Amino acid sequence: VQLVESGGGLVEPGGSLMLSCVASGLSFDSYDAMWVRQAPGKGPEWVSEIHSGTGRTDYADSVQGRFIVSKNNAKNTVLLQMNSLKPDDTGVYYCRAGWASPYWGQGTQVTVSS
């Protein structure tokens, strides 16, 4: 199983980025997918998730209304559209699949700075 994130980078406050997580060896049809971020010097923070069966989405209060999580089952990809980015959104963003024995990607760096 492999999860590969991409799409991170440096963006000014107020800007947008779209992160992608492509899975091989598992299907997002069967696994809930989550985005978790870690800011420098801080612990992991759950950001968003999309459920495998229903497609229901949930968001942390800190990103509600600014981030949108979606998935493309045909491409086995989960996306995170991030809008109105703030410096506090800076961190490494990880894709995670599953709950009991989760799989993790390697992370992609997002830096929001002027």
C-alpha atoms as a PDB file:
ATOM      1  CA  VAL A   1       0.000   0.000   0.000  1.00  0.00           C
ATOM      2  CA  GLN A   2       1.231   3.449  -0.859  1.00  0.00           C
ATOM      3  CA  LEU A   3      -0.258   6.896  -0.420  1.00  0.00           C
ATOM      4  CA  VAL A   4       1.445   9.734  -2.271  1.00  0.00           C
ATOM      5  CA  GLU A   5       0.594  13.359  -1.560  1.00  0.00           C
ATOM      6  CA  SER A   6       1.393  16.253  -3.840  1.00  0.00           C
ATOM      7  CA  GLY A   7       0.402  19.850  -4.436  1.00  0.00           C
ATOM      8  CA  GLY A   8       2.041  21.589  -1.521  1.00  0.00           C
ATOM      9  CA  GLY A   9       4.125  24.716  -1.870  1.00  0.00           C
ATOM     10  CA  LEU A  10       4.580  28.324  -0.867  1.00  0.00           C
ATOM     11  CA  VAL A  11       1.555  30.580  -1.155  1.00  0.00           C
ATOM     12  CA  GLU A  12       0.711  34.074   0.074  1.00  0.00           C
ATOM     13  CA  PRO A  13      -2.032  34.613   2.647  1.00  0.00           C
ATOM     14  CA  GLY A  14      -5.406  34.542   0.954  1.00  0.00           C
ATOM     15  CA  GLY A  15      -4.185  32.220  -1.752  1.00  0.00           C
ATOM     16  CA  SER A  16      -5.241  28.687  -2.673  1.00  0.00           C
ATOM     17  CA  LEU A  17      -3.677  25.292  -3.104  1.00  0.00           C
ATOM     18  CA  MET A  18      -5.031  21.896  -4.030  1.00  0.00           C
ATOM     19  CA  LEU A  19      -3.487  18.820  -2.449  1.00  0.00           C
ATOM     20  CA  SER A  20      -3.812  15.358  -3.967  1.00  0.00           C
ATOM     21  CA  CYS A  21      -3.435  11.937  -2.396  1.00  0.00           C
ATOM     22  CA  VAL A  22      -3.147   9.018  -4.783  1.00  0.00           C
ATOM     23  CA  ALA A  23      -3.490   5.530  -3.365  1.00  0.00           C
ATOM     24  CA  SER A  24      -2.149   2.265  -4.670  1.00  0.00           C
ATOM     25  CA  GLY A  25      -2.863  -1.066  -3.054  1.00  0.00           C
ATOM     26  CA  LEU A  26      -6.110   0.075  -1.482  1.00  0.00           C
ATOM     27  CA  SER A  27      -9.336   1.648  -2.628  1.00  0.00           C
ATOM     28  CA  PHE A  28     -10.926   4.786  -1.253  1.00  0.00           C
ATOM     29  CA  ASP A  29     -14.184   2.996  -1.987  1.00  0.00           C
ATOM     30  CA  SER A  30     -13.410   0.911   1.104  1.00  0.00           C
ATOM     31  CA  TYR A  31     -11.240   3.201   3.223  1.00  0.00           C
ATOM     32  CA  ASP A  32     -12.168   6.462   4.879  1.00  0.00           C
ATOM     33  CA  ALA A  33      -9.616   9.132   3.967  1.00  0.00           C
ATOM     34  CA  MET A  34      -8.363  11.894   6.201  1.00  0.00           C
ATOM     35  CA  TRP A  35      -6.057  14.856   5.987  1.00  0.00           C
ATOM     36  CA  VAL A  36      -3.919  15.542   9.027  1.00  0.00           C
ATOM     37  CA  ARG A  37      -1.438  18.395   9.336  1.00  0.00           C
ATOM     38  CA  GLN A  38       1.453  19.132  11.618  1.00  0.00           C
ATOM     39  CA  ALA A  39       2.724  22.639  12.151  1.00  0.00           C
ATOM     40  CA  PRO A  40       6.316  23.258  13.231  1.00  0.00           C
ATOM     41  CA  GLY A  41       6.732  22.491  16.911  1.00  0.00           C
ATOM     42  CA  LYS A  42       3.141  21.294  17.308  1.00  0.00           C
ATOM     43  CA  GLY A  43       1.342  17.985  17.403  1.00  0.00           C
ATOM     44  CA  PRO A  44      -0.759  16.512  14.614  1.00  0.00           C
ATOM     45  CA  GLU A  45      -4.072  18.177  13.872  1.00  0.00           C
ATOM     46  CA  TRP A  46      -6.951  16.466  12.135  1.00  0.00           C
ATOM     47  CA  VAL A  47      -8.125  18.676   9.267  1.00  0.00           C
ATOM     48  CA  SER A  48     -10.761  16.875   7.250  1.00  0.00           C
ATOM     49  CA  GLU A  49     -12.120  13.496   6.265  1.00  0.00           C
ATOM     50  CA  ILE A  50     -14.292  11.893   3.639  1.00  0.00           C
ATOM     51  CA  HIS A  51     -16.099   8.668   4.327  1.00  0.00           C
ATOM     52  CA  SER A  52     -15.759   5.726   1.994  1.00  0.00           C
ATOM     53  CA  GLY A  53     -19.355   4.638   1.677  1.00  0.00           C
ATOM     54  CA  THR A  54     -21.448   7.761   2.060  1.00  0.00           C
ATOM     55  CA  GLY A  55     -18.948  10.328   0.867  1.00  0.00           C
ATOM     56  CA  ARG A  56     -19.851  12.378   3.907  1.00  0.00           C
ATOM     57  CA  THR A  57     -17.283  15.051   4.702  1.00  0.00           C
ATOM     58  CA  ASP A  58     -16.195  16.573   8.005  1.00  0.00           C
ATOM     59  CA  TYR A  59     -13.914  19.494   8.794  1.00  0.00           C
ATOM     60  CA  ALA A  60     -12.064  20.942  11.708  1.00  0.00           C
ATOM     61  CA  ASP A  61     -13.512  24.247  12.869  1.00  0.00           C
ATOM     62  CA  SER A  62     -10.278  25.966  11.900  1.00  0.00           C
ATOM     63  CA  VAL A  63     -10.778  25.134   8.196  1.00  0.00           C
ATOM     64  CA  GLN A  64     -14.567  24.913   7.915  1.00  0.00           C
ATOM     65  CA  GLY A  65     -15.780  27.059   5.033  1.00  0.00           C
ATOM     66  CA  ARG A  66     -12.312  27.384   3.505  1.00  0.00           C
ATOM     67  CA  PHE A  67     -11.261  23.809   2.703  1.00  0.00           C
ATOM     68  CA  ILE A  68     -13.122  21.272   0.596  1.00  0.00           C
ATOM     69  CA  VAL A  69     -12.323  17.557   0.572  1.00  0.00           C
ATOM     70  CA  SER A  70     -13.415  15.364  -2.317  1.00  0.00           C
ATOM     71  CA  LYS A  71     -12.454  12.151  -4.013  1.00  0.00           C
ATOM     72  CA  ASN A  72     -12.279  10.636  -7.465  1.00  0.00           C
ATOM     73  CA  ASN A  73     -12.947   6.924  -7.118  1.00  0.00           C
ATOM     74  CA  ALA A  74     -11.982   6.209 -10.701  1.00  0.00           C
ATOM     75  CA  LYS A  75      -8.518   7.637 -10.073  1.00  0.00           C
ATOM     76  CA  ASN A  76      -8.387   6.426  -6.446  1.00  0.00           C
ATOM     77  CA  THR A  77      -7.498   9.973  -5.435  1.00  0.00           C
ATOM     78  CA  VAL A  78      -8.544  12.242  -2.584  1.00  0.00           C
ATOM     79  CA  LEU A  79      -8.257  15.995  -3.021  1.00  0.00           C
ATOM     80  CA  LEU A  80      -8.102  18.848  -0.555  1.00  0.00           C
ATOM     81  CA  GLN A  81      -8.927  22.252  -2.019  1.00  0.00           C
ATOM     82  CA  MET A  82      -7.589  24.898   0.341  1.00  0.00           C
ATOM     83  CA  ASN A  83      -8.811  28.467  -0.091  1.00  0.00           C
ATOM     84  CA  SER A  84      -8.297  31.697   1.825  1.00  0.00           C
ATOM     85  CA  LEU A  85      -5.116  30.290   3.275  1.00  0.00           C
ATOM     86  CA  LYS A  86      -3.711  31.759   6.468  1.00  0.00           C
ATOM     87  CA  PRO A  87      -0.222  31.596   7.989  1.00  0.00           C
ATOM     88  CA  ASP A  88      -1.675  29.254  10.640  1.00  0.00           C
ATOM     89  CA  ASP A  89      -2.349  26.732   7.872  1.00  0.00           C
ATOM     90  CA  THR A  90       1.392  26.246   7.450  1.00  0.00           C
ATOM     91  CA  GLY A  91       2.574  22.703   8.075  1.00  0.00           C
ATOM     92  CA  VAL A  92       3.124  19.280   6.611  1.00  0.00           C
ATOM     93  CA  TYR A  93      -0.107  17.793   5.327  1.00  0.00           C
ATOM     94  CA  TYR A  94      -0.504  14.036   5.493  1.00  0.00           C
ATOM     95  CA  CYS A  95      -3.037  11.792   3.853  1.00  0.00           C
ATOM     96  CA  ARG A  96      -4.290   8.894   5.968  1.00  0.00           C
ATOM     97  CA  ALA A  97      -6.472   5.954   4.991  1.00  0.00           C
ATOM     98  CA  GLY A  98      -8.396   3.836   7.467  1.00  0.00           C
ATOM     99  CA  TRP A  99      -8.796   3.892  11.234  1.00  0.00           C
ATOM    100  CA  ALA A 100      -7.730   0.739  13.083  1.00  0.00           C
ATOM    101  CA  SER A 101      -4.498   0.147  11.201  1.00  0.00           C
ATOM    102  CA  PRO A 102      -4.136   3.285   9.121  1.00  0.00           C
ATOM    103  CA  TYR A 103      -1.884   3.923   6.184  1.00  0.00           C
ATOM    104  CA  TRP A 104      -0.062   7.230   5.870  1.00  0.00           C
ATOM    105  CA  GLY A 105       1.531   9.155   3.079  1.00  0.00           C
ATOM    106  CA  GLN A 106       4.893  10.859   3.329  1.00  0.00           C
ATOM    107  CA  GLY A 107       3.391  14.335   3.585  1.00  0.00           C
ATOM    108  CA  THR A 108       3.569  17.510   1.537  1.00  0.00           C
ATOM    109  CA  GLN A 109       4.748  20.870   2.853  1.00  0.00           C
ATOM    110  CA  VAL A 110       2.392  23.843   2.779  1.00  0.00           C
ATOM    111  CA  THR A 111       3.819  27.226   3.653  1.00  0.00           C
ATOM    112  CA  VAL A 112       1.603  30.302   3.838  1.00  0.00           C
ATOM    113  CA  SER A 113       3.685  33.433   4.039  1.00  0.00           C
ATOM    114  CA  SER A 114       4.089  36.829   2.470  1.00  0.00           C
END
